[in-house]
């Protein structure tokens, strides 16, 4: 465990900046040696904790029993797979995975409702954007979270996404390899959302295509395949990301000229200009203005043996669109033929 997490678990009111300061001064020691906040503490090692200047811990906030039970019930309704070590959830559209500025309701907070008598609670293994639906992996212990995290880092997990995009990419199957970096925000973009009817601020960060060597540029690779199409307006893509960059699939879809339907951030711009430039790309009436992106399937080795292979159903707005255009989800997914590296 990292030194900062070791302290946070034992002294919750200790700030990270104060801990970093006393580490720099050499007041914190691990087996007699100086440490940084990112140093690792292993079982059996001795940590020297100096006299600390910290506030008295505040009384824990009392959770309303009905809210906790409502969260637990909501999570149970999302479960696609559940065993003694992990859960796989079907995250709905619009639910944030983690908290942020103005985000009052999020899955990470809801997981507290499943904490045991010792306070141990399920842990997120990976993340999805707020408006991306589908497969989300949850570990029931920190040890399992670490084991699953290592599987993701080693790229032993295979992820398949489905998207409905504007236009039809050419060629029908391909590999997108780009460098992505953080770009400028797209404004405050507030929408009513959440259990309490409060306005929650969307994540405003946008990724941009960068060049190798640019500051913060990270390499990103996605395989894609057209499963079906309503040419020239729309197509159904199956996507297989080999890397896991922020907004990777949304930025890649925009980069090949086929932004994901319902994406307010990538590839839209001035709608009037778009209509004048290409009237055939107009979205047909009846398609809901929601992000048409689904984390469809997750395949990875289970740390306790065997293979974990879970598929999520289409969210209601995508199901409606697929039925409208006659897209048959029972057909074979061509992305299964894409390479693993």
Protein backbone atom coordinates (compact mmCIF):
# COMPACT_ATOMS: atom_id res chain seq x y z
CA UNK A 1 0.00 0.00 0.00
CA UNK A 2 1.21 3.53 -0.76
CA UNK A 3 2.38 5.61 2.21
CA UNK A 4 -0.30 8.29 1.60
CA UNK A 5 -3.05 5.67 1.61
CA UNK A 6 -1.56 4.01 4.72
CA UNK A 7 -1.79 7.32 6.59
CA UNK A 8 -5.22 8.22 5.18
CA UNK A 9 -6.69 4.95 6.41
CA UNK A 10 -5.34 5.50 9.95
CA UNK A 11 -5.54 9.31 10.23
CA UNK A 12 -8.35 10.46 7.91
CA UNK A 13 -7.97 14.17 8.83
CA UNK A 14 -4.30 14.29 7.78
CA UNK A 15 -4.01 16.35 4.59
CA UNK A 16 -1.89 15.16 1.68
CA UNK A 17 0.03 18.46 1.57
CA UNK A 18 0.96 18.16 5.27
CA UNK A 19 2.01 14.53 4.80
CA UNK A 20 4.15 15.48 1.79
CA UNK A 21 5.81 18.19 3.88
CA UNK A 22 6.78 15.91 6.78
CA UNK A 23 7.98 13.27 4.31
CA UNK A 24 10.24 15.83 2.62
CA UNK A 25 11.62 16.80 6.04
CA UNK A 26 12.41 13.16 6.76
CA UNK A 27 10.07 12.95 9.75
CA UNK A 28 8.29 9.88 8.33
CA UNK A 29 10.52 6.81 8.14
CA UNK A 30 10.03 3.32 6.77
CA UNK A 31 12.35 0.82 8.47
CA UNK A 32 14.49 3.83 9.37
CA UNK A 33 14.73 5.19 5.80
CA UNK A 34 13.28 8.37 4.31
CA UNK A 35 10.15 7.93 2.18
CA UNK A 36 7.94 9.77 -0.29
CA UNK A 37 4.14 9.74 -0.26
CA UNK A 38 4.23 7.31 -3.21
CA UNK A 39 6.56 4.83 -1.47
CA UNK A 40 5.11 1.40 -0.75
CA UNK A 41 4.52 -0.08 2.71
CA UNK A 42 4.70 -3.86 2.90
CA UNK A 43 3.49 -6.18 5.65
CA UNK A 44 6.02 -6.40 8.51
CA UNK A 45 7.69 -3.04 7.89
CA UNK A 46 7.91 -0.39 10.62
CA UNK A 47 6.54 3.09 9.96
CA UNK A 48 7.75 5.95 12.13
CA UNK A 49 4.86 8.37 12.70
CA UNK A 50 6.05 11.70 14.15
CA UNK A 51 3.92 13.92 16.39
CA UNK A 52 1.24 15.27 14.05
CA UNK A 53 -0.65 18.54 13.94
CA UNK A 54 -4.09 17.41 12.79
CA UNK A 55 -7.65 18.39 13.55
CA UNK A 56 -9.85 16.17 15.67
CA UNK A 57 -11.87 13.87 13.41
CA UNK A 58 -15.37 15.04 12.67
CA UNK A 59 -18.30 12.89 13.61
CA UNK A 60 -19.21 10.72 10.62
CA UNK A 61 -22.22 11.85 8.64
CA UNK A 62 -25.28 9.82 9.47
CA UNK A 63 -26.76 8.17 6.42
CA UNK A 64 -30.48 8.05 6.17
CA UNK A 65 -31.35 4.32 6.24
CA UNK A 66 -33.82 4.70 3.38
CA UNK A 67 -31.17 6.32 1.16
CA UNK A 68 -28.62 3.60 1.88
CA UNK A 69 -31.15 0.88 1.19
CA UNK A 70 -32.29 2.63 -1.99
CA UNK A 71 -28.67 2.70 -3.21
CA UNK A 72 -28.17 -0.97 -2.38
CA UNK A 73 -31.40 -1.86 -4.18
CA UNK A 74 -30.39 0.19 -7.23
CA UNK A 75 -27.01 -1.56 -7.41
CA UNK A 76 -28.62 -5.00 -7.08
CA UNK A 77 -30.87 -4.13 -10.02
CA UNK A 78 -27.75 -3.45 -12.14
CA UNK A 79 -26.02 -6.78 -11.46
CA UNK A 80 -25.14 -8.91 -14.50
CA UNK A 81 -22.86 -11.30 -12.59
CA UNK A 82 -22.14 -11.74 -8.89
CA UNK A 83 -19.72 -14.10 -7.14
CA UNK A 84 -17.83 -14.05 -3.83
CA UNK A 85 -14.97 -11.97 -5.28
CA UNK A 86 -16.51 -9.51 -7.74
CA UNK A 87 -19.61 -8.07 -9.35
CA UNK A 88 -20.27 -6.99 -12.92
CA UNK A 89 -22.83 -4.21 -13.22
CA UNK A 90 -24.83 -2.86 -16.14
CA UNK A 91 -24.23 0.86 -15.58
CA UNK A 92 -27.18 2.90 -16.88
CA UNK A 93 -26.93 5.98 -19.06
CA UNK A 94 -26.50 9.20 -17.07
CA UNK A 95 -25.10 7.74 -13.85
CA UNK A 96 -21.65 9.10 -12.99
CA UNK A 97 -19.12 6.51 -11.85
CA UNK A 98 -17.25 8.86 -9.54
CA UNK A 99 -17.93 12.20 -7.90
CA UNK A 100 -16.75 15.53 -9.25
CA UNK A 101 -17.67 19.18 -9.23
CA UNK A 102 -21.41 19.36 -8.67
CA UNK A 103 -21.92 15.57 -8.91
CA UNK A 104 -24.01 14.55 -5.91
CA UNK A 105 -25.04 11.04 -6.95
CA UNK A 106 -22.45 8.60 -8.30
CA UNK A 107 -21.85 4.87 -8.31
CA UNK A 108 -18.72 5.04 -6.15
CA UNK A 109 -20.72 6.71 -3.39
CA UNK A 110 -23.61 4.28 -3.80
CA UNK A 111 -21.24 1.34 -3.20
CA UNK A 112 -20.90 2.50 0.41
CA UNK A 113 -24.36 1.03 0.95
CA UNK A 114 -22.80 -2.44 0.52
CA UNK A 115 -20.07 -1.96 3.17
CA UNK A 116 -19.71 -4.79 5.68
CA UNK A 117 -19.56 -4.51 9.47
CA UNK A 118 -15.83 -3.67 9.30
CA UNK A 119 -16.44 -0.82 6.89
CA UNK A 120 -14.95 -2.72 3.92
CA UNK A 121 -16.83 -1.90 0.74
CA UNK A 122 -16.74 -2.88 -2.95
CA UNK A 123 -14.14 -1.07 -5.07
CA UNK A 124 -14.26 0.25 -8.64
CA UNK A 125 -11.85 -1.54 -10.98
CA UNK A 126 -12.26 0.68 -14.06
CA UNK A 127 -14.48 3.55 -15.18
CA UNK A 128 -17.00 4.57 -17.82
CA UNK A 129 -18.09 8.06 -18.86
CA UNK A 130 -21.31 9.26 -17.25
CA UNK A 131 -23.31 8.83 -20.47
CA UNK A 132 -21.72 5.53 -21.55
CA UNK A 133 -23.84 2.52 -20.61
CA UNK A 134 -22.86 -1.08 -20.01
CA UNK A 135 -20.40 -3.45 -18.39
CA UNK A 136 -18.62 -2.16 -15.28
CA UNK A 137 -16.42 -4.33 -13.08
CA UNK A 138 -16.49 -4.05 -9.27
CA UNK A 139 -14.16 -5.89 -6.84
CA UNK A 140 -15.45 -6.92 -3.43
CA UNK A 141 -12.05 -6.57 -1.70
CA UNK A 142 -8.98 -4.38 -2.14
CA UNK A 143 -6.88 -7.46 -2.88
CA UNK A 144 -9.23 -8.48 -5.70
CA UNK A 145 -9.22 -4.88 -6.99
CA UNK A 146 -5.41 -4.97 -7.14
CA UNK A 147 -5.43 -8.32 -8.97
CA UNK A 148 -8.00 -7.13 -11.50
CA UNK A 149 -6.19 -3.82 -11.94
CA UNK A 150 -3.04 -5.72 -12.88
CA UNK A 151 -5.01 -7.68 -15.49
CA UNK A 152 -6.20 -4.40 -17.05
CA UNK A 153 -2.69 -2.91 -16.97
CA UNK A 154 -1.26 -5.99 -18.68
CA UNK A 155 -3.94 -5.64 -21.41
CA UNK A 156 -5.21 -9.15 -20.73
CA UNK A 157 -8.77 -7.82 -20.67
CA UNK A 158 -10.67 -7.59 -23.95
CA UNK A 159 -13.33 -4.85 -24.15
CA UNK A 160 -15.93 -4.53 -26.90
CA UNK A 161 -18.11 -1.45 -27.33
CA UNK A 162 -21.06 -0.80 -29.61
CA UNK A 163 -21.82 2.65 -31.00
CA UNK A 164 -24.19 4.21 -33.47
CA UNK A 165 -22.32 6.89 -35.41
CA UNK A 166 -23.03 9.55 -38.00
CA UNK A 167 -22.09 8.49 -41.52
CA UNK A 168 -20.30 5.32 -42.63
CA UNK A 169 -16.53 5.04 -42.15
CA UNK A 170 -14.28 3.88 -44.97
CA UNK A 171 -12.87 1.30 -44.98
CA UNK A 172 -15.56 -0.74 -43.23
CA UNK A 173 -12.97 -2.24 -40.86
CA UNK A 174 -9.81 -0.61 -39.64
CA UNK A 175 -7.36 0.43 -36.96
CA UNK A 176 -7.25 3.91 -35.46
CA UNK A 177 -3.87 4.85 -34.00
CA UNK A 178 -3.56 8.40 -32.66
CA UNK A 179 -1.94 10.42 -29.92
CA UNK A 180 -4.46 12.11 -27.62
CA UNK A 181 -3.93 14.96 -25.16
CA UNK A 182 -6.17 17.10 -23.01
CA UNK A 183 -7.75 19.96 -24.90
CA UNK A 184 -9.84 22.95 -23.97
CA UNK A 185 -13.13 22.60 -22.10
CA UNK A 186 -16.44 22.96 -23.86
CA UNK A 187 -18.21 25.19 -21.37
CA UNK A 188 -20.27 24.50 -18.29
CA UNK A 189 -23.00 22.47 -20.02
CA UNK A 190 -25.37 22.01 -17.10
CA UNK A 191 -28.33 19.67 -17.37
CA UNK A 192 -30.97 18.65 -14.80
CA UNK A 193 -30.06 15.25 -13.50
CA UNK A 194 -29.89 13.23 -10.30
CA UNK A 195 -32.07 11.77 -7.58
CA UNK A 196 -32.73 15.14 -5.93
CA UNK A 197 -33.50 17.07 -9.11
CA UNK A 198 -30.29 19.06 -8.69
CA UNK A 199 -28.25 20.34 -11.61
CA UNK A 200 -25.03 18.39 -11.91
CA UNK A 201 -22.05 19.65 -13.87
CA UNK A 202 -20.85 17.44 -16.69
CA UNK A 203 -17.21 16.63 -17.08
CA UNK A 204 -16.05 19.42 -19.42
CA UNK A 205 -12.67 18.00 -20.37
CA UNK A 206 -12.19 17.29 -24.05
CA UNK A 207 -9.38 15.31 -25.65
CA UNK A 208 -7.68 16.46 -28.85
CA UNK A 209 -5.59 14.70 -31.44
CA UNK A 210 -1.94 15.48 -30.71
CA UNK A 211 1.46 14.72 -32.18
CA UNK A 212 4.04 12.36 -30.78
CA UNK A 213 6.17 14.32 -28.36
CA UNK A 214 3.51 16.90 -27.46
CA UNK A 215 2.97 17.59 -23.77
CA UNK A 216 0.69 14.96 -22.18
CA UNK A 217 0.26 13.16 -25.53
CA UNK A 218 -0.61 9.49 -25.04
CA UNK A 219 -0.77 6.82 -27.74
CA UNK A 220 -4.22 5.30 -28.28
CA UNK A 221 -5.32 2.39 -30.47
CA UNK A 222 -8.81 1.20 -31.39
CA UNK A 223 -10.00 -1.43 -33.88
CA UNK A 224 -13.42 -0.83 -35.42
CA UNK A 225 -15.81 -2.70 -37.73
CA UNK A 226 -19.09 -1.70 -39.37
CA UNK A 227 -21.74 -4.21 -38.29
CA UNK A 228 -24.65 -2.62 -40.17
CA UNK A 229 -25.52 0.74 -41.75
CA UNK A 230 -28.20 3.08 -42.96
CA UNK A 231 -26.05 4.70 -45.64
CA UNK A 232 -25.13 7.49 -45.84
CA UNK A 233 -26.62 8.71 -42.58
CA UNK A 234 -25.75 6.21 -39.89
CA UNK A 235 -23.82 3.08 -39.07
CA UNK A 236 -23.52 0.65 -36.21
CA UNK A 237 -19.91 0.16 -35.20
CA UNK A 238 -18.30 -2.43 -32.99
CA UNK A 239 -15.18 -1.04 -31.31
CA UNK A 240 -12.29 -2.74 -29.57
CA UNK A 241 -9.96 -0.36 -27.70
CA UNK A 242 -6.47 -1.70 -26.95
CA UNK A 243 -5.67 1.29 -24.76
CA UNK A 244 -7.84 3.07 -22.22
CA UNK A 245 -7.45 6.81 -22.70
CA UNK A 246 -9.99 9.40 -21.56
CA UNK A 247 -12.84 9.66 -24.10
CA UNK A 248 -10.81 7.48 -26.46
CA UNK A 249 -13.66 6.02 -28.48
CA UNK A 250 -15.51 9.33 -28.72
CA UNK A 251 -12.38 11.16 -29.90
CA UNK A 252 -11.47 8.36 -32.34
CA UNK A 253 -14.97 8.34 -33.85
CA UNK A 254 -14.73 12.07 -34.43
CA UNK A 255 -11.23 11.68 -35.90
CA UNK A 256 -12.47 9.33 -38.65
CA UNK A 257 -15.34 11.71 -39.46
CA UNK A 258 -18.09 9.65 -37.82
CA UNK A 259 -18.91 11.12 -34.39
CA UNK A 260 -21.08 9.06 -32.07
CA UNK A 261 -24.77 9.94 -32.23
CA UNK A 262 -25.85 12.05 -29.25
CA UNK A 263 -22.33 13.11 -28.28
CA UNK A 264 -22.53 16.80 -27.22
CA UNK A 265 -18.77 17.21 -27.06
CA UNK A 266 -17.13 15.62 -30.10
CA UNK A 267 -17.77 16.53 -33.72
CA UNK A 268 -20.96 18.55 -33.49
CA UNK A 269 -20.14 22.24 -33.58
CA UNK A 270 -22.55 24.43 -35.56
CA UNK A 271 -25.52 22.27 -36.58
CA UNK A 272 -26.67 24.77 -39.22
CA UNK A 273 -23.23 24.68 -40.83
CA UNK A 274 -23.32 20.91 -40.83
CA UNK A 275 -26.73 20.75 -42.45
CA UNK A 276 -25.61 23.10 -45.20
CA UNK A 277 -22.39 21.13 -45.74
CA UNK A 278 -23.94 17.67 -45.84
CA UNK A 279 -27.75 17.46 -45.57
CA UNK A 280 -27.63 13.68 -46.03
CA UNK A 281 -25.92 13.31 -42.66
CA UNK A 282 -28.90 14.68 -40.71
CA UNK A 283 -29.97 12.38 -37.89
CA UNK A 284 -33.41 10.86 -38.64
CA UNK A 285 -36.39 11.98 -36.59
CA UNK A 286 -37.11 9.84 -33.55
CA UNK A 287 -33.49 9.21 -32.51
CA UNK A 288 -33.03 10.34 -28.92
CA UNK A 289 -30.33 12.94 -28.31
CA UNK A 290 -28.37 10.70 -25.95
CA UNK A 291 -24.90 9.22 -26.33
CA UNK A 292 -25.24 5.99 -28.33
CA UNK A 293 -22.25 4.20 -26.80
CA UNK A 294 -22.42 0.87 -24.94
CA UNK A 295 -19.71 -1.07 -23.14
CA UNK A 296 -21.10 -4.26 -24.67
CA UNK A 297 -18.78 -7.04 -23.54
CA UNK A 298 -15.86 -7.68 -21.18
CA UNK A 299 -13.66 -10.78 -21.37
CA UNK A 300 -10.74 -11.41 -18.99
CA UNK A 301 -9.12 -14.14 -16.91
CA UNK A 302 -10.75 -14.43 -13.50
CA UNK A 303 -8.05 -14.10 -10.78
CA UNK A 304 -9.48 -17.18 -9.03
CA UNK A 305 -9.50 -19.28 -12.22
CA UNK A 306 -11.47 -19.55 -15.43
CA UNK A 307 -12.60 -16.78 -17.75
CA UNK A 308 -14.97 -13.94 -17.03
CA UNK A 309 -17.13 -13.15 -20.10
CA UNK A 310 -20.06 -10.77 -19.54
CA UNK A 311 -22.35 -9.01 -22.02
CA UNK A 312 -24.61 -6.01 -21.34
CA UNK A 313 -27.96 -5.39 -23.10
CA UNK A 314 -28.66 -2.27 -25.10
CA UNK A 315 -29.83 0.70 -23.01
CA UNK A 316 -33.41 1.80 -23.77
CA UNK A 317 -32.49 4.70 -26.10
CA UNK A 318 -30.12 2.53 -28.17
CA UNK A 319 -32.61 -0.34 -28.26
CA UNK A 320 -35.20 2.07 -29.64
CA UNK A 321 -32.77 3.31 -32.33
CA UNK A 322 -31.67 -0.21 -33.31
CA UNK A 323 -35.27 -1.34 -33.68
CA UNK A 324 -36.09 1.78 -35.71
CA UNK A 325 -33.36 0.95 -38.28
CA UNK A 326 -33.73 -2.83 -38.20
CA UNK A 327 -30.29 -3.52 -36.73
CA UNK A 328 -30.20 -7.20 -35.70
CA UNK A 329 -28.10 -7.72 -32.56
CA UNK A 330 -28.11 -11.51 -33.04
CA UNK A 331 -25.73 -11.35 -36.01
CA UNK A 332 -22.07 -12.19 -35.56
CA UNK A 333 -19.90 -9.33 -34.38
CA UNK A 334 -17.05 -8.81 -36.92
CA UNK A 335 -14.83 -7.17 -34.27
CA UNK A 336 -14.19 -10.66 -32.88
CA UNK A 337 -11.73 -11.12 -35.77
CA UNK A 338 -9.69 -8.05 -34.78
CA UNK A 339 -6.15 -8.62 -33.43
CA UNK A 340 -5.43 -8.55 -29.70
CA UNK A 341 -2.48 -6.19 -30.07
